[in-house]
N, C-alpha and C. Protein backbone atom coordinates (compact mmCIF):
# COMPACT_ATOMS: atom_id res chain seq x y z
N MET A 1 0.86 -1.09 0.09
CA MET A 1 0.01 -0.05 0.03
C MET A 1 0.86 1.32 0.21
N ASN A 2 0.72 2.19 -0.90
CA ASN A 2 1.31 3.27 -0.98
C ASN A 2 0.67 4.61 -0.05
N LEU A 3 1.52 4.92 0.95
CA LEU A 3 0.97 5.89 1.75
C LEU A 3 0.78 7.23 1.09
N TYR A 4 1.67 7.72 0.28
CA TYR A 4 1.81 8.93 -0.46
C TYR A 4 1.68 8.75 -1.76
N LYS A 5 0.93 9.63 -2.53
CA LYS A 5 0.68 9.71 -4.04
C LYS A 5 1.83 10.22 -4.67
N SER A 6 2.52 11.08 -4.18
CA SER A 6 3.72 11.64 -5.20
C SER A 6 4.75 12.09 -3.98
N ASN A 7 5.66 12.18 -4.65
CA ASN A 7 7.16 12.70 -4.01
C ASN A 7 6.83 14.13 -3.21
N LYS A 8 6.11 14.98 -3.81
CA LYS A 8 5.75 16.32 -3.30
C LYS A 8 5.19 16.29 -2.01
N VAL A 9 4.00 15.39 -2.16
CA VAL A 9 3.25 14.91 -0.75
C VAL A 9 4.11 14.50 0.29
N ARG A 10 5.09 13.31 -0.10
CA ARG A 10 5.91 12.94 0.88
C ARG A 10 6.81 13.94 1.52
N PHE A 11 7.23 14.84 0.58
CA PHE A 11 7.99 15.82 1.07
C PHE A 11 7.43 16.87 1.91
N ALA A 12 6.18 17.22 1.67
CA ALA A 12 5.53 18.20 2.68
C ALA A 12 5.07 17.49 3.75
N PHE A 13 4.95 16.32 3.68
CA PHE A 13 4.41 15.69 5.18
C PHE A 13 5.65 15.60 6.07
N GLY A 14 6.65 15.30 5.34
CA GLY A 14 8.11 15.50 6.13
C GLY A 14 8.35 16.79 6.87
N LEU A 15 8.02 17.72 5.88
CA LEU A 15 8.38 19.21 6.26
C LEU A 15 7.50 19.63 7.50
N ILE A 16 6.06 19.19 7.40
CA ILE A 16 5.24 19.58 8.36
C ILE A 16 5.57 18.78 9.69
N PHE A 17 5.94 17.58 9.76
CA PHE A 17 6.48 16.85 10.81
C PHE A 17 7.33 17.67 11.49
N ILE A 18 8.50 17.88 10.80
CA ILE A 18 9.90 18.50 11.33
C ILE A 18 9.40 19.87 11.75
N ILE A 19 8.52 20.57 11.42
CA ILE A 19 8.15 21.95 11.78
C ILE A 19 7.32 21.62 13.31
N ILE A 20 6.56 20.68 13.23
CA ILE A 20 5.89 20.48 14.43
C ILE A 20 6.66 20.18 15.69
N ILE A 21 7.73 19.26 15.27
CA ILE A 21 8.85 18.62 16.50
C ILE A 21 9.80 19.94 16.77
N TYR A 22 10.07 20.85 15.71
CA TYR A 22 11.03 22.19 16.05
C TYR A 22 10.06 23.16 16.91
N SER A 23 8.88 23.27 16.72
CA SER A 23 8.23 24.23 17.33
C SER A 23 7.95 23.52 18.88
N CYS A 24 7.56 22.58 18.75
CA CYS A 24 7.18 21.75 20.26
C CYS A 24 8.57 21.89 21.24
N TYR A 25 9.60 21.38 20.46
CA TYR A 25 11.03 21.58 21.23
C TYR A 25 11.33 22.93 21.78
N TYR A 26 10.93 24.12 20.84
CA TYR A 26 11.12 25.32 21.36
C TYR A 26 10.14 26.04 22.39
N LEU A 27 8.97 25.46 22.22
CA LEU A 27 7.95 26.10 23.05
C LEU A 27 7.74 25.37 24.24
N LEU A 28 8.10 24.04 24.32
CA LEU A 28 7.83 23.21 25.52
C LEU A 28 9.13 23.26 26.27
N PHE A 29 10.30 23.25 25.68
CA PHE A 29 11.60 22.98 26.35
C PHE A 29 12.75 24.36 26.41
N TYR A 30 12.81 24.52 25.24
CA TYR A 30 13.96 25.74 25.07
C TYR A 30 13.65 26.94 25.67
N GLU A 31 12.45 27.30 25.22
CA GLU A 31 12.09 28.86 25.68
C GLU A 31 11.30 28.67 27.02
N ASN A 32 11.18 27.45 27.67
CA ASN A 32 10.24 27.51 28.88
C ASN A 32 10.91 27.64 30.21
N GLU A 33 10.66 28.58 30.61
CA GLU A 33 11.60 29.27 31.99
C GLU A 33 11.26 28.56 33.37
N ASN A 34 10.12 27.56 33.13
CA ASN A 34 9.90 26.69 34.41
C ASN A 34 10.58 25.22 34.48
N LEU A 35 11.54 25.17 33.54
CA LEU A 35 12.20 23.94 33.33
C LEU A 35 13.71 23.89 34.14
N ASP A 36 13.90 24.89 35.23
CA ASP A 36 14.99 25.18 35.68
C ASP A 36 15.46 24.03 36.65
N PHE A 37 14.50 23.20 36.99
CA PHE A 37 14.73 21.95 37.56
C PHE A 37 15.71 20.95 37.00
N LEU A 38 15.51 21.00 35.63
CA LEU A 38 16.06 19.84 34.89
C LEU A 38 17.29 19.80 35.14
N SER A 39 18.05 18.86 35.28
CA SER A 39 19.60 18.43 35.28
C SER A 39 20.21 18.74 33.82
N ARG A 40 21.52 19.14 34.06
CA ARG A 40 22.02 19.10 32.84
C ARG A 40 22.12 17.85 31.97
N LYS A 41 22.21 16.57 32.41
CA LYS A 41 22.12 15.44 31.69
C LYS A 41 20.75 15.18 31.09
N SER A 42 19.74 15.70 31.77
CA SER A 42 18.19 15.68 31.50
C SER A 42 17.95 16.53 30.24
N SER A 43 18.61 17.54 30.15
CA SER A 43 18.79 18.56 29.13
C SER A 43 19.32 17.89 28.11
N HIS A 44 20.62 17.17 28.09
CA HIS A 44 21.35 16.78 27.07
C HIS A 44 20.37 15.70 26.39
N LEU A 45 19.64 14.97 27.30
CA LEU A 45 19.12 13.77 26.49
C LEU A 45 17.93 14.24 25.75
N ILE A 46 17.11 15.33 26.03
CA ILE A 46 16.07 15.84 25.47
C ILE A 46 16.77 16.28 24.18
N LYS A 47 17.71 17.31 24.23
CA LYS A 47 18.38 17.86 23.01
C LYS A 47 18.59 16.72 21.95
N PHE A 48 19.33 15.88 22.45
CA PHE A 48 19.79 14.50 21.63
C PHE A 48 18.39 13.77 21.16
N GLY A 49 17.43 13.46 21.91
CA GLY A 49 16.44 12.86 21.28
C GLY A 49 15.55 13.55 20.31
N THR A 50 15.42 14.83 20.48
CA THR A 50 14.86 15.73 19.57
C THR A 50 15.58 15.56 18.17
N THR A 51 16.89 15.66 18.25
CA THR A 51 17.81 15.62 16.90
C THR A 51 17.50 14.22 16.27
N ILE A 52 17.38 13.13 17.18
CA ILE A 52 17.33 11.72 16.50
C ILE A 52 16.05 11.88 16.04
N ILE A 53 14.83 12.35 16.67
CA ILE A 53 13.48 12.23 15.99
C ILE A 53 13.36 12.82 14.79
N VAL A 54 14.29 14.12 14.60
CA VAL A 54 14.21 14.81 13.33
C VAL A 54 14.93 14.00 12.10
N TYR A 55 15.87 13.43 12.69
CA TYR A 55 16.83 12.68 11.76
C TYR A 55 15.99 11.47 11.39
N LEU A 56 15.06 10.86 11.96
CA LEU A 56 14.46 9.83 11.70
C LEU A 56 13.28 10.20 10.77
N VAL A 57 12.50 11.16 10.98
CA VAL A 57 11.64 11.80 10.11
C VAL A 57 11.95 12.18 8.82
N GLY A 58 13.24 12.83 8.71
CA GLY A 58 13.77 13.10 7.40
C GLY A 58 14.34 11.86 6.75
N THR A 59 14.80 10.91 7.41
CA THR A 59 15.30 9.74 6.91
C THR A 59 13.86 8.83 6.30
N PHE A 60 13.06 8.82 6.89
CA PHE A 60 11.78 8.22 6.45
C PHE A 60 11.28 8.95 5.08
N HIS A 61 11.02 10.16 5.11
CA HIS A 61 10.44 10.99 4.21
C HIS A 61 11.49 11.05 2.77
N LEU A 62 12.79 11.28 3.20
CA LEU A 62 13.75 11.49 2.09
C LEU A 62 14.06 10.21 1.45
N GLY A 63 14.15 9.03 1.94
CA GLY A 63 14.52 7.93 1.86
C GLY A 63 13.83 7.25 0.79
N LYS A 64 12.51 7.78 0.67
CA LYS A 64 11.63 7.02 -0.57
C LYS A 64 11.52 7.90 -1.61
N LEU A 65 12.28 9.04 -1.73
CA LEU A 65 12.12 9.79 -2.93
C LEU A 65 12.98 9.15 -3.79
N ASP A 66 12.55 9.62 -5.24
CA ASP A 66 13.32 9.14 -6.71
C ASP A 66 14.81 9.38 -6.53
N ASP A 67 15.13 10.88 -6.03
CA ASP A 67 16.64 11.06 -5.81
C ASP A 67 17.18 10.85 -4.70
N ILE A 68 18.09 9.59 -4.73
CA ILE A 68 18.60 9.25 -3.73
C ILE A 68 19.62 9.89 -3.04
N TRP A 69 20.18 10.71 -3.75
CA TRP A 69 21.13 11.57 -3.00
C TRP A 69 20.64 12.41 -2.00
N MET A 70 19.48 12.70 -2.07
CA MET A 70 19.07 13.56 -0.89
C MET A 70 19.13 12.84 0.62
N SER A 71 18.80 11.57 0.23
CA SER A 71 18.79 10.64 1.50
C SER A 71 20.07 10.54 1.89
N TYR A 72 21.10 10.21 1.05
CA TYR A 72 22.56 10.20 1.22
C TYR A 72 23.20 11.52 2.10
N LEU A 73 22.80 12.66 1.47
CA LEU A 73 23.28 13.91 1.98
C LEU A 73 22.55 14.27 3.34
N TRP A 74 21.35 13.66 3.52
CA TRP A 74 20.79 13.76 4.90
C TRP A 74 21.44 12.97 5.83
N HIS A 75 22.07 11.93 5.65
CA HIS A 75 22.70 10.98 6.38
C HIS A 75 23.98 11.50 6.73
N PHE A 76 24.56 11.98 5.65
CA PHE A 76 25.98 12.54 5.95
C PHE A 76 25.87 13.54 7.00
N ILE A 77 24.97 14.62 6.77
CA ILE A 77 25.01 15.84 7.57
C ILE A 77 24.58 15.50 8.78
N HIS A 78 23.73 14.70 8.95
CA HIS A 78 23.11 14.48 10.49
C HIS A 78 24.05 13.28 11.49
N VAL A 79 24.62 12.46 10.53
CA VAL A 79 25.67 11.57 11.41
C VAL A 79 26.62 12.25 11.62
N SER A 80 27.40 13.09 10.82
CA SER A 80 28.29 14.01 11.27
C SER A 80 28.30 14.96 12.36
N GLY A 81 27.11 15.75 12.52
CA GLY A 81 26.60 16.55 13.39
C GLY A 81 26.43 15.88 14.63
N LEU A 82 25.93 14.81 14.45
CA LEU A 82 25.53 13.78 15.94
C LEU A 82 26.78 13.35 16.42
N CYS A 83 27.66 13.17 15.52
CA CYS A 83 28.98 12.90 16.31
C CYS A 83 29.67 13.78 16.95
N ILE A 84 29.69 15.00 16.30
CA ILE A 84 30.28 16.26 16.91
C ILE A 84 29.72 16.29 18.39
N ILE A 85 28.24 16.36 18.39
CA ILE A 85 27.59 16.87 19.43
C ILE A 85 27.54 15.78 20.54
N THR A 86 27.48 14.61 20.25
CA THR A 86 27.70 13.51 21.20
C THR A 86 29.06 13.47 21.68
N SER A 87 30.05 13.64 21.01
CA SER A 87 31.31 13.46 21.32
C SER A 87 31.49 14.77 22.72
N ILE A 88 30.92 16.13 22.28
CA ILE A 88 30.98 17.30 23.23
C ILE A 88 30.03 16.85 24.43
N GLY A 89 29.01 16.26 24.12
CA GLY A 89 28.13 15.77 25.39
C GLY A 89 28.59 14.83 26.24
N LEU A 90 29.54 13.90 25.59
CA LEU A 90 30.24 12.66 26.55
C LEU A 90 31.24 13.53 27.20
N TYR A 91 31.91 14.31 26.48
CA TYR A 91 32.92 15.00 27.61
C TYR A 91 32.34 15.90 28.43
N ASP A 92 31.30 16.42 28.31
CA ASP A 92 30.70 17.12 29.41
C ASP A 92 30.19 16.22 30.30
N TRP A 93 29.50 15.13 30.06
CA TRP A 93 29.08 14.17 31.20
C TRP A 93 30.13 13.62 32.08
N PHE A 94 31.36 13.12 31.18
CA PHE A 94 32.22 12.13 32.08
C PHE A 94 33.50 12.93 32.54
N ILE A 95 34.02 13.96 31.66
CA ILE A 95 35.44 14.60 31.90
C ILE A 95 35.21 15.87 32.88
N GLY A 96 34.57 16.82 32.11
CA GLY A 96 34.36 18.23 32.89
C GLY A 96 33.43 19.03 32.02
N GLU A 97 33.25 20.01 32.67
CA GLU A 97 32.25 20.93 31.86
C GLU A 97 32.89 21.59 30.77
N VAL A 98 32.29 21.66 29.78
CA VAL A 98 32.94 22.36 28.46
C VAL A 98 32.82 23.93 28.62
N LEU A 99 33.69 24.52 27.82
CA LEU A 99 33.73 25.79 27.64
C LEU A 99 32.42 26.51 27.14
N LEU A 100 32.26 27.78 27.50
CA LEU A 100 31.05 28.34 26.88
C LEU A 100 31.00 28.46 25.26
N ARG A 101 32.25 28.81 24.48
CA ARG A 101 32.19 28.90 23.35
C ARG A 101 31.97 27.23 22.64
N VAL A 102 32.37 26.44 23.46
CA VAL A 102 32.02 24.90 22.93
C VAL A 102 30.54 24.70 22.99
N LYS A 103 30.05 25.10 24.08
CA LYS A 103 28.49 24.65 24.29
C LYS A 103 27.81 25.70 23.34
N LEU A 104 28.28 26.55 22.86
CA LEU A 104 27.50 27.39 21.68
C LEU A 104 27.70 26.92 20.45
N PHE A 105 28.87 26.30 20.08
CA PHE A 105 28.99 25.63 18.91
C PHE A 105 28.19 24.37 18.88
N ALA A 106 28.24 23.65 19.67
CA ALA A 106 27.41 22.60 19.86
C ALA A 106 25.92 22.76 19.85
N GLY A 107 25.40 24.03 20.37
CA GLY A 107 23.82 24.37 20.19
C GLY A 107 23.77 24.68 18.98
N SER A 108 24.72 25.59 18.06
CA SER A 108 24.38 25.84 16.74
C SER A 108 24.30 24.72 15.82
N ILE A 109 25.34 23.76 16.03
CA ILE A 109 25.08 22.38 15.20
C ILE A 109 23.75 21.61 15.40
N GLN A 110 23.39 21.58 16.77
CA GLN A 110 22.25 20.95 17.09
C GLN A 110 20.77 21.57 16.49
N GLU A 111 21.02 22.96 16.39
CA GLU A 111 20.03 23.87 15.73
C GLU A 111 19.83 23.65 14.18
N MET A 112 20.99 23.53 13.65
CA MET A 112 21.00 23.19 12.11
C MET A 112 20.12 21.90 11.94
N LEU A 113 20.69 20.97 12.91
CA LEU A 113 20.33 19.44 12.54
C LEU A 113 18.64 19.48 12.69
N ILE A 114 17.94 20.38 13.60
CA ILE A 114 16.64 20.03 13.85
C ILE A 114 15.78 21.03 13.25
N SER A 115 16.43 22.12 12.69
CA SER A 115 15.91 23.12 11.84
C SER A 115 15.09 22.83 10.55
N PRO A 116 14.01 23.16 10.32
CA PRO A 116 13.42 22.82 9.15
C PRO A 116 14.16 23.29 7.75
N VAL A 117 15.11 24.39 8.06
CA VAL A 117 15.67 25.23 6.94
C VAL A 117 16.52 24.13 6.22
N LEU A 118 17.11 23.34 6.61
CA LEU A 118 17.89 22.17 6.21
C LEU A 118 17.39 21.20 5.17
N TYR A 119 16.04 20.82 5.87
CA TYR A 119 15.09 20.19 4.84
C TYR A 119 14.51 20.79 3.75
N VAL A 120 14.09 22.22 3.82
CA VAL A 120 13.71 22.99 2.93
C VAL A 120 14.86 23.24 1.75
N GLY A 121 16.08 23.49 2.41
CA GLY A 121 17.13 23.86 1.47
C GLY A 121 17.47 22.64 0.60
N MET A 122 17.30 21.57 1.07
CA MET A 122 17.56 20.05 0.32
C MET A 122 16.50 20.17 -0.74
N GLY A 123 15.25 20.38 -0.40
CA GLY A 123 14.20 20.51 -1.60
C GLY A 123 14.52 21.31 -2.32
N LEU A 124 14.79 22.42 -2.35
CA LEU A 124 14.90 23.59 -3.17
C LEU A 124 16.05 23.31 -4.03
N LEU A 125 17.18 22.55 -3.48
CA LEU A 125 18.39 22.10 -4.26
C LEU A 125 17.91 20.99 -5.22
N ASN A 126 17.20 20.14 -4.81
CA ASN A 126 16.97 18.98 -5.60
C ASN A 126 15.79 19.64 -6.70
N LYS A 127 15.08 20.59 -6.52
CA LYS A 127 14.04 21.11 -7.51
C LYS A 127 14.91 21.79 -8.55
N THR A 128 16.02 22.51 -8.06
CA THR A 128 16.76 23.23 -8.97
C THR A 128 17.40 22.27 -10.12
N LEU A 129 17.98 21.38 -9.44
CA LEU A 129 18.83 20.22 -10.11
C LEU A 129 18.05 19.41 -10.81
N ASN A 130 16.84 19.30 -10.63
CA ASN A 130 15.95 18.37 -11.64
C ASN A 130 15.49 19.34 -12.77
N ARG A 131 15.53 20.69 -12.56
CA ARG A 131 14.89 21.53 -13.73
C ARG A 131 15.99 21.76 -14.71
N VAL A 132 17.24 21.76 -14.15
CA VAL A 132 18.31 21.86 -15.31
C VAL A 132 18.84 20.60 -15.83
N LYS A 133 18.41 20.46 -17.17
CA LYS A 133 19.09 19.06 -17.72
C LYS A 133 20.24 19.67 -18.30
N ILE A 134 21.15 18.86 -18.18
CA ILE A 134 22.71 19.11 -18.82
C ILE A 134 22.77 18.11 -20.15
């Protein structure tokens, strides 16, 4: 049974899911001032879990498209970013607290990975490359 009738619908649903996850993350966790009681490790787990969920949504929706390179690019970007932020997080957990600049760097990588901008950018690049025939 085919769940989606076209690649455009599949891409749109993936975008909608990522926007919902991104919005919930910022509204319920990142911008919520009432969560001061969370430990540093709990905060890391929530951030990592959100990143993994966005990765899985993108993998599901981009992995079935006709253009396979989008799926490969998605995997490469996310696995690289996850390796970087995981190593920083593990250092923070087991060795010692990381510098503020390193925390900001890890936060910007995590922001890039969960943001719908990466997903939309890949869609625009795919559309542009499919339009231009060499």
